[in-house]
Amino acid sequence: MTGIPAMSPLDAISLPTPLEPTTLSNLTATRESDFEALREALDNMHKSVTQASRAARAQGRKHARTTGMSMAQYDIGDYVLYADVWAHTRAKLRVKWCGPAQVTKAVSAWIFVVKNLLTGDEREVHASRLKFYSDVTLNVTEELLHQIAHNSEGHVVAQILDSRYSDAAKRFELLVNWRGLSSAEDSWEPAVTLLEDVPVMVKNFIRAHRRTAKTKKLASGLDLKALLRN
């Protein structure tokens, strides 16, 4: 294929070291010895990793049981960030810090009720899922509320413009204007998906348009009829 003349069986091949005669049984034994050494090295590595993991878990349990160790405490009125956890894959969870939200009640020494500053919705959160943001003196401005809606929970959605029911897809959809894109790139997205990704913006849209017939149908389809009340 290359056009190069074939080598003759009599052509010499230079080697860096002298050849040593061997047998197939010797080659097999050498290969088995190498595989055994590799297997032993892998076993030792796995044992080391397992031991380190067990030691770390034991240290964590010991730290949690240590007398005098306690969760961070928050006062009523404090502003906090709360961890929103959802399944990323079957074996992994993803955490996103949202807020700030305001602490409205202490259920116990480690359970607190926090209120969303935009929707007024309240939820119970474990102290391990909270981070201190500011005390009660925080000045809640329109700029801060805008940051909460767009940066913390808004992803890349700039504004929800309209709603409809798609007969073809058999679902409610919302017309979305995307941050950083022109109005020509506005798109209709599934309302259920947007409710999961940007719940604050979806609820605010329903509240703002609650008197229209199609918004009432949208709220009913998303099980958000409570937002239609004055």
C-alpha atoms as a PDB file:
ATOM      1  CA  MET A   1       0.000   0.000   0.000  1.00  0.00           C
ATOM      2  CA  THR A   2       2.885   2.381   0.767  1.00  0.00           C
ATOM      3  CA  GLY A   3       4.963   1.367  -2.226  1.00  0.00           C
ATOM      4  CA  ILE A   4       7.949   0.518  -0.021  1.00  0.00           C
ATOM      5  CA  PRO A   5       9.758  -2.706  -0.928  1.00  0.00           C
ATOM      6  CA  ALA A   6       9.101  -5.571   1.454  1.00  0.00           C
ATOM      7  CA  MET A   7      11.836  -6.538   3.918  1.00  0.00           C
ATOM      8  CA  SER A   8      13.716  -9.743   3.473  1.00  0.00           C
ATOM      9  CA  PRO A   9      13.618 -12.316   6.290  1.00  0.00           C
ATOM     10  CA  LEU A  10      17.406 -12.136   6.208  1.00  0.00           C
ATOM     11  CA  ASP A  11      17.535  -8.378   6.920  1.00  0.00           C
ATOM     12  CA  ALA A  12      19.168  -7.565  10.259  1.00  0.00           C
ATOM     13  CA  ILE A  13      17.279  -5.684  13.005  1.00  0.00           C
ATOM     14  CA  SER A  14      19.403  -3.811  15.530  1.00  0.00           C
ATOM     15  CA  LEU A  15      18.467  -4.168  19.202  1.00  0.00           C
ATOM     16  CA  PRO A  16      19.846  -2.163  22.160  1.00  0.00           C
ATOM     17  CA  THR A  17      20.533  -5.261  24.263  1.00  0.00           C
ATOM     18  CA  PRO A  18      21.434  -8.822  23.497  1.00  0.00           C
ATOM     19  CA  LEU A  19      18.525 -11.230  23.060  1.00  0.00           C
ATOM     20  CA  GLU A  20      17.911 -13.765  25.781  1.00  0.00           C
ATOM     21  CA  PRO A  21      16.213 -17.023  24.950  1.00  0.00           C
ATOM     22  CA  THR A  22      12.952 -17.768  26.766  1.00  0.00           C
ATOM     23  CA  THR A  23       9.952 -20.038  26.616  1.00  0.00           C
ATOM     24  CA  LEU A  24       6.205 -19.456  26.476  1.00  0.00           C
ATOM     25  CA  SER A  25       5.837 -20.733  30.024  1.00  0.00           C
ATOM     26  CA  ASN A  26       8.364 -18.147  31.261  1.00  0.00           C
ATOM     27  CA  LEU A  27       6.510 -15.347  29.445  1.00  0.00           C
ATOM     28  CA  THR A  28       3.202 -16.489  30.958  1.00  0.00           C
ATOM     29  CA  ALA A  29       4.693 -16.641  34.441  1.00  0.00           C
ATOM     30  CA  THR A  30       6.167 -13.129  34.090  1.00  0.00           C
ATOM     31  CA  ARG A  31       2.832 -11.738  32.913  1.00  0.00           C
ATOM     32  CA  GLU A  32       0.955 -13.379  35.781  1.00  0.00           C
ATOM     33  CA  SER A  33       3.496 -11.971  38.241  1.00  0.00           C
ATOM     34  CA  ASP A  34       3.032  -8.452  36.852  1.00  0.00           C
ATOM     35  CA  PHE A  35      -0.775  -8.751  37.026  1.00  0.00           C
ATOM     36  CA  GLU A  36      -0.572 -10.002  40.598  1.00  0.00           C
ATOM     37  CA  ALA A  37       1.589  -7.023  41.592  1.00  0.00           C
ATOM     38  CA  LEU A  38      -0.885  -4.661  39.913  1.00  0.00           C
ATOM     39  CA  ARG A  39      -3.836  -6.345  41.663  1.00  0.00           C
ATOM     40  CA  GLU A  40      -2.122  -6.046  45.040  1.00  0.00           C
ATOM     41  CA  ALA A  41      -1.344  -2.359  44.452  1.00  0.00           C
ATOM     42  CA  LEU A  42      -4.993  -1.643  43.546  1.00  0.00           C
ATOM     43  CA  ASP A  43      -6.244  -3.522  46.612  1.00  0.00           C
ATOM     44  CA  ASN A  44      -3.940  -1.517  48.861  1.00  0.00           C
ATOM     45  CA  MET A  45      -5.088   1.735  47.270  1.00  0.00           C
ATOM     46  CA  HIS A  46      -8.769   0.852  47.771  1.00  0.00           C
ATOM     47  CA  LYS A  47      -8.095  -0.105  51.388  1.00  0.00           C
ATOM     48  CA  SER A  48      -6.395   3.234  52.011  1.00  0.00           C
ATOM     49  CA  VAL A  49      -9.301   5.162  50.487  1.00  0.00           C
ATOM     50  CA  THR A  50     -11.839   3.163  52.504  1.00  0.00           C
ATOM     51  CA  GLN A  51      -9.938   3.697  55.744  1.00  0.00           C
ATOM     52  CA  ALA A  52      -9.638   7.446  55.098  1.00  0.00           C
ATOM     53  CA  SER A  53     -13.363   7.670  54.352  1.00  0.00           C
ATOM     54  CA  ARG A  54     -14.269   5.785  57.527  1.00  0.00           C
ATOM     55  CA  ALA A  55     -11.961   7.997  59.579  1.00  0.00           C
ATOM     56  CA  ALA A  56     -13.554  11.146  58.142  1.00  0.00           C
ATOM     57  CA  ARG A  57     -17.084   9.903  58.908  1.00  0.00           C
ATOM     58  CA  ALA A  58     -16.062   8.902  62.428  1.00  0.00           C
ATOM     59  CA  GLN A  59     -14.510  12.321  62.999  1.00  0.00           C
ATOM     60  CA  GLY A  60     -17.692  13.987  61.762  1.00  0.00           C
ATOM     61  CA  ARG A  61     -19.876  11.921  64.104  1.00  0.00           C
ATOM     62  CA  LYS A  62     -17.514  12.646  66.990  1.00  0.00           C
ATOM     63  CA  HIS A  63     -17.653  16.358  66.227  1.00  0.00           C
ATOM     64  CA  ALA A  64     -21.463  16.278  66.130  1.00  0.00           C
ATOM     65  CA  ARG A  65     -21.621  14.513  69.519  1.00  0.00           C
ATOM     66  CA  THR A  66     -19.084  16.786  71.202  1.00  0.00           C
ATOM     67  CA  THR A  67     -20.547  18.516  74.249  1.00  0.00           C
ATOM     68  CA  GLY A  68     -20.918  22.226  73.717  1.00  0.00           C
ATOM     69  CA  MET A  69     -21.252  22.057  69.927  1.00  0.00           C
ATOM     70  CA  SER A  70     -24.426  23.780  68.660  1.00  0.00           C
ATOM     71  CA  MET A  71     -26.069  24.996  65.477  1.00  0.00           C
ATOM     72  CA  ALA A  72     -25.972  28.669  64.544  1.00  0.00           C
ATOM     73  CA  GLN A  73     -28.806  30.577  66.190  1.00  0.00           C
ATOM     74  CA  TYR A  74     -30.903  33.313  64.589  1.00  0.00           C
ATOM     75  CA  ASP A  75     -33.119  36.014  66.043  1.00  0.00           C
ATOM     76  CA  ILE A  76     -36.610  36.834  64.828  1.00  0.00           C
ATOM     77  CA  GLY A  77     -36.218  39.438  62.105  1.00  0.00           C
ATOM     78  CA  ASP A  78     -32.749  38.357  60.981  1.00  0.00           C
ATOM     79  CA  TYR A  79     -32.173  38.017  57.246  1.00  0.00           C
ATOM     80  CA  VAL A  80     -30.674  34.746  56.050  1.00  0.00           C
ATOM     81  CA  LEU A  81     -29.793  32.817  52.918  1.00  0.00           C
ATOM     82  CA  TYR A  82     -31.412  29.378  52.663  1.00  0.00           C
ATOM     83  CA  ALA A  83     -30.213  26.324  50.778  1.00  0.00           C
ATOM     84  CA  ASP A  84     -32.501  25.005  48.078  1.00  0.00           C
ATOM     85  CA  VAL A  85     -31.632  21.340  47.461  1.00  0.00           C
ATOM     86  CA  TRP A  86     -32.900  19.242  44.575  1.00  0.00           C
ATOM     87  CA  ALA A  87     -31.917  16.033  42.835  1.00  0.00           C
ATOM     88  CA  HIS A  88     -29.365  16.668  40.103  1.00  0.00           C
ATOM     89  CA  THR A  89     -28.927  12.999  39.172  1.00  0.00           C
ATOM     90  CA  ARG A  90     -30.127   9.816  40.802  1.00  0.00           C
ATOM     91  CA  ALA A  91     -27.070   9.712  43.075  1.00  0.00           C
ATOM     92  CA  LYS A  92     -26.283  13.419  43.498  1.00  0.00           C
ATOM     93  CA  LEU A  93     -27.940  16.505  44.953  1.00  0.00           C
ATOM     94  CA  ARG A  94     -27.389  20.092  43.909  1.00  0.00           C
ATOM     95  CA  VAL A  95     -27.539  23.020  46.344  1.00  0.00           C
ATOM     96  CA  LYS A  96     -28.389  26.622  45.470  1.00  0.00           C
ATOM     97  CA  TRP A  97     -28.333  29.454  48.027  1.00  0.00           C
ATOM     98  CA  CYS A  98     -31.457  31.625  47.731  1.00  0.00           C
ATOM     99  CA  GLY A  99     -32.648  34.773  49.430  1.00  0.00           C
ATOM    100  CA  PRO A 100     -32.217  36.722  51.510  1.00  0.00           C
ATOM    101  CA  ALA A 101     -35.312  35.692  53.458  1.00  0.00           C
ATOM    102  CA  GLN A 102     -36.445  36.862  56.889  1.00  0.00           C
ATOM    103  CA  VAL A 103     -36.665  34.690  59.998  1.00  0.00           C
ATOM    104  CA  THR A 104     -40.218  34.961  61.375  1.00  0.00           C
ATOM    105  CA  LYS A 105     -40.378  32.150  63.923  1.00  0.00           C
ATOM    106  CA  ALA A 106     -38.196  29.708  65.857  1.00  0.00           C
ATOM    107  CA  VAL A 107     -39.875  26.293  65.946  1.00  0.00           C
ATOM    108  CA  SER A 108     -37.046  24.776  67.993  1.00  0.00           C
ATOM    109  CA  ALA A 109     -33.374  25.358  68.666  1.00  0.00           C
ATOM    110  CA  TRP A 110     -32.533  24.197  65.140  1.00  0.00           C
ATOM    111  CA  ILE A 111     -35.721  24.678  63.093  1.00  0.00           C
ATOM    112  CA  PHE A 112     -36.680  28.173  61.877  1.00  0.00           C
ATOM    113  CA  VAL A 113     -39.486  29.584  59.737  1.00  0.00           C
ATOM    114  CA  VAL A 114     -38.293  31.968  57.013  1.00  0.00           C
ATOM    115  CA  LYS A 115     -40.414  34.232  54.805  1.00  0.00           C
ATOM    116  CA  ASN A 116     -39.781  34.994  51.140  1.00  0.00           C
ATOM    117  CA  LEU A 117     -39.580  38.781  50.822  1.00  0.00           C
ATOM    118  CA  LEU A 118     -41.309  38.799  47.429  1.00  0.00           C
ATOM    119  CA  THR A 119     -44.155  36.322  47.763  1.00  0.00           C
ATOM    120  CA  GLY A 120     -44.621  36.247  51.524  1.00  0.00           C
ATOM    121  CA  ASP A 121     -44.480  32.439  51.433  1.00  0.00           C
ATOM    122  CA  GLU A 122     -43.102  30.831  54.595  1.00  0.00           C
ATOM    123  CA  ARG A 123     -41.225  27.567  54.982  1.00  0.00           C
ATOM    124  CA  GLU A 124     -39.488  25.655  57.752  1.00  0.00           C
ATOM    125  CA  VAL A 125     -35.720  25.330  57.332  1.00  0.00           C
ATOM    126  CA  HIS A 126     -33.128  23.476  59.391  1.00  0.00           C
ATOM    127  CA  ALA A 127     -30.375  25.669  60.844  1.00  0.00           C
ATOM    128  CA  SER A 128     -27.759  23.700  58.909  1.00  0.00           C
ATOM    129  CA  ARG A 129     -29.390  24.972  55.703  1.00  0.00           C
ATOM    130  CA  LEU A 130     -29.188  28.648  56.682  1.00  0.00           C
ATOM    131  CA  LYS A 131     -26.477  31.310  56.409  1.00  0.00           C
ATOM    132  CA  PHE A 132     -26.590  34.647  58.197  1.00  0.00           C
ATOM    133  CA  TYR A 133     -27.065  37.605  55.816  1.00  0.00           C
ATOM    134  CA  SER A 134     -27.966  40.628  57.953  1.00  0.00           C
ATOM    135  CA  ASP A 135     -29.727  41.597  61.164  1.00  0.00           C
ATOM    136  CA  VAL A 136     -33.134  43.273  61.414  1.00  0.00           C
ATOM    137  CA  THR A 137     -31.673  46.670  60.440  1.00  0.00           C
ATOM    138  CA  LEU A 138     -31.326  45.618  56.783  1.00  0.00           C
ATOM    139  CA  ASN A 139     -32.870  48.187  54.436  1.00  0.00           C
ATOM    140  CA  VAL A 140     -35.079  46.201  52.042  1.00  0.00           C
ATOM    141  CA  THR A 141     -35.002  48.298  48.879  1.00  0.00           C
ATOM    142  CA  GLU A 142     -36.523  47.730  45.453  1.00  0.00           C
ATOM    143  CA  GLU A 143     -33.031  46.996  44.170  1.00  0.00           C
ATOM    144  CA  LEU A 144     -32.612  44.229  46.738  1.00  0.00           C
ATOM    145  CA  LEU A 145     -35.999  42.728  45.836  1.00  0.00           C
ATOM    146  CA  HIS A 146     -34.986  42.824  42.177  1.00  0.00           C
ATOM    147  CA  GLN A 147     -31.783  40.980  43.058  1.00  0.00           C
ATOM    148  CA  ILE A 148     -33.740  38.325  44.964  1.00  0.00           C
ATOM    149  CA  ALA A 149     -36.128  37.732  42.090  1.00  0.00           C
ATOM    150  CA  HIS A 150     -33.567  37.599  39.297  1.00  0.00           C
ATOM    151  CA  ASN A 151     -30.208  36.551  40.726  1.00  0.00           C
ATOM    152  CA  SER A 152     -31.305  34.165  43.445  1.00  0.00           C
ATOM    153  CA  GLU A 153     -34.247  32.500  41.776  1.00  0.00           C
ATOM    154  CA  GLY A 154     -34.597  34.129  38.387  1.00  0.00           C
ATOM    155  CA  HIS A 155     -31.826  32.356  36.477  1.00  0.00           C
ATOM    156  CA  VAL A 156     -31.819  33.974  33.010  1.00  0.00           C
ATOM    157  CA  VAL A 157     -35.508  34.901  32.873  1.00  0.00           C
ATOM    158  CA  ALA A 158     -35.928  38.673  32.584  1.00  0.00           C
ATOM    159  CA  GLN A 159     -39.718  38.862  32.467  1.00  0.00           C
ATOM    160  CA  ILE A 160     -42.833  36.762  31.914  1.00  0.00           C
ATOM    161  CA  LEU A 161     -44.932  38.507  29.275  1.00  0.00           C
ATOM    162  CA  ASP A 162     -48.016  36.392  28.573  1.00  0.00           C
ATOM    163  CA  SER A 163     -49.690  33.023  29.054  1.00  0.00           C
ATOM    164  CA  ARG A 164     -51.624  30.574  26.919  1.00  0.00           C
ATOM    165  CA  TYR A 165     -52.834  26.980  26.737  1.00  0.00           C
ATOM    166  CA  SER A 166     -51.261  24.969  23.926  1.00  0.00           C
ATOM    167  CA  ASP A 167     -53.765  22.544  22.420  1.00  0.00           C
ATOM    168  CA  ALA A 168     -50.996  20.832  20.462  1.00  0.00           C
ATOM    169  CA  ALA A 169     -48.786  20.195  23.504  1.00  0.00           C
ATOM    170  CA  LYS A 170     -51.708  19.873  25.974  1.00  0.00           C
ATOM    171  CA  ARG A 171     -50.065  22.193  28.496  1.00  0.00           C
ATOM    172  CA  PHE A 172     -50.008  25.749  29.824  1.00  0.00           C
ATOM    173  CA  GLU A 173     -47.167  27.896  28.500  1.00  0.00           C
ATOM    174  CA  LEU A 174     -45.650  31.257  29.404  1.00  0.00           C
ATOM    175  CA  LEU A 175     -44.032  33.747  27.048  1.00  0.00           C
ATOM    176  CA  VAL A 176     -40.553  34.486  28.418  1.00  0.00           C
ATOM    177  CA  ASN A 177     -38.247  37.403  27.739  1.00  0.00           C
ATOM    178  CA  TRP A 178     -34.677  36.280  28.396  1.00  0.00           C
ATOM    179  CA  ARG A 179     -31.982  38.386  30.037  1.00  0.00           C
ATOM    180  CA  GLY A 180     -29.339  39.471  27.551  1.00  0.00           C
ATOM    181  CA  LEU A 181     -31.466  38.544  24.503  1.00  0.00           C
ATOM    182  CA  SER A 182     -33.654  40.683  22.257  1.00  0.00           C
ATOM    183  CA  SER A 183     -37.447  40.589  22.225  1.00  0.00           C
ATOM    184  CA  ALA A 184     -37.268  38.747  18.898  1.00  0.00           C
ATOM    185  CA  GLU A 185     -35.938  35.761  20.845  1.00  0.00           C
ATOM    186  CA  ASP A 186     -38.836  35.621  23.328  1.00  0.00           C
ATOM    187  CA  SER A 187     -40.126  32.052  23.555  1.00  0.00           C
ATOM    188  CA  TRP A 188     -43.069  30.059  24.895  1.00  0.00           C
ATOM    189  CA  GLU A 189     -41.954  27.739  27.687  1.00  0.00           C
ATOM    190  CA  PRO A 190     -43.846  25.080  29.723  1.00  0.00           C
ATOM    191  CA  ALA A 191     -45.453  26.743  32.744  1.00  0.00           C
ATOM    192  CA  VAL A 192     -44.763  23.715  34.944  1.00  0.00           C
ATOM    193  CA  THR A 193     -41.039  23.910  34.200  1.00  0.00           C
ATOM    194  CA  LEU A 194     -40.908  27.642  34.892  1.00  0.00           C
ATOM    195  CA  LEU A 195     -42.776  27.143  38.162  1.00  0.00           C
ATOM    196  CA  GLU A 196     -39.975  24.799  39.245  1.00  0.00           C
ATOM    197  CA  ASP A 197     -37.151  27.049  38.018  1.00  0.00           C
ATOM    198  CA  VAL A 198     -38.503  30.543  38.775  1.00  0.00           C
ATOM    199  CA  PRO A 199     -41.445  30.139  41.189  1.00  0.00           C
ATOM    200  CA  VAL A 200     -41.301  33.743  42.412  1.00  0.00           C
ATOM    201  CA  MET A 201     -41.677  35.210  38.930  1.00  0.00           C
ATOM    202  CA  VAL A 202     -44.493  32.827  37.966  1.00  0.00           C
ATOM    203  CA  LYS A 203     -46.452  33.598  41.141  1.00  0.00           C
ATOM    204  CA  ASN A 204     -45.933  37.335  40.721  1.00  0.00           C
ATOM    205  CA  PHE A 205     -47.185  37.105  37.129  1.00  0.00           C
ATOM    206  CA  ILE A 206     -50.332  35.282  38.242  1.00  0.00           C
ATOM    207  CA  ARG A 207     -50.982  37.843  40.970  1.00  0.00           C
ATOM    208  CA  ALA A 208     -50.509  40.753  38.566  1.00  0.00           C
ATOM    209  CA  HIS A 209     -52.915  39.291  35.979  1.00  0.00           C
ATOM    210  CA  ARG A 210     -55.276  37.417  38.285  1.00  0.00           C
ATOM    211  CA  ARG A 211     -58.388  39.144  36.900  1.00  0.00           C
ATOM    212  CA  THR A 212     -57.995  37.793  33.354  1.00  0.00           C
ATOM    213  CA  ALA A 213     -59.753  34.588  32.340  1.00  0.00           C
ATOM    214  CA  LYS A 214     -56.656  32.895  30.926  1.00  0.00           C
ATOM    215  CA  THR A 215     -54.651  33.640  34.072  1.00  0.00           C
ATOM    216  CA  LYS A 216     -57.398  32.079  36.186  1.00  0.00           C
ATOM    217  CA  LYS A 217     -57.168  28.946  34.036  1.00  0.00           C
ATOM    218  CA  LEU A 218     -53.374  29.019  34.378  1.00  0.00           C
ATOM    219  CA  ALA A 219     -53.589  29.283  38.178  1.00  0.00           C
ATOM    220  CA  SER A 220     -56.069  26.414  38.268  1.00  0.00           C
ATOM    221  CA  GLY A 221     -53.840  24.256  36.070  1.00  0.00           C
ATOM    222  CA  LEU A 222     -50.815  24.925  38.286  1.00  0.00           C
ATOM    223  CA  ASP A 223     -52.804  24.437  41.508  1.00  0.00           C
ATOM    224  CA  LEU A 224     -52.213  28.062  42.514  1.00  0.00           C
ATOM    225  CA  LYS A 225     -55.801  29.252  42.946  1.00  0.00           C
ATOM    226  CA  ALA A 226     -54.894  30.833  46.283  1.00  0.00           C
ATOM    227  CA  LEU A 227     -52.970  33.518  44.370  1.00  0.00           C
ATOM    228  CA  LEU A 228     -56.214  34.756  42.767  1.00  0.00           C
ATOM    229  CA  ARG A 229     -57.532  36.103  46.040  1.00  0.00           C
ATOM    230  CA  ASN A 230     -57.268  39.813  46.756  1.00  0.00           C
END
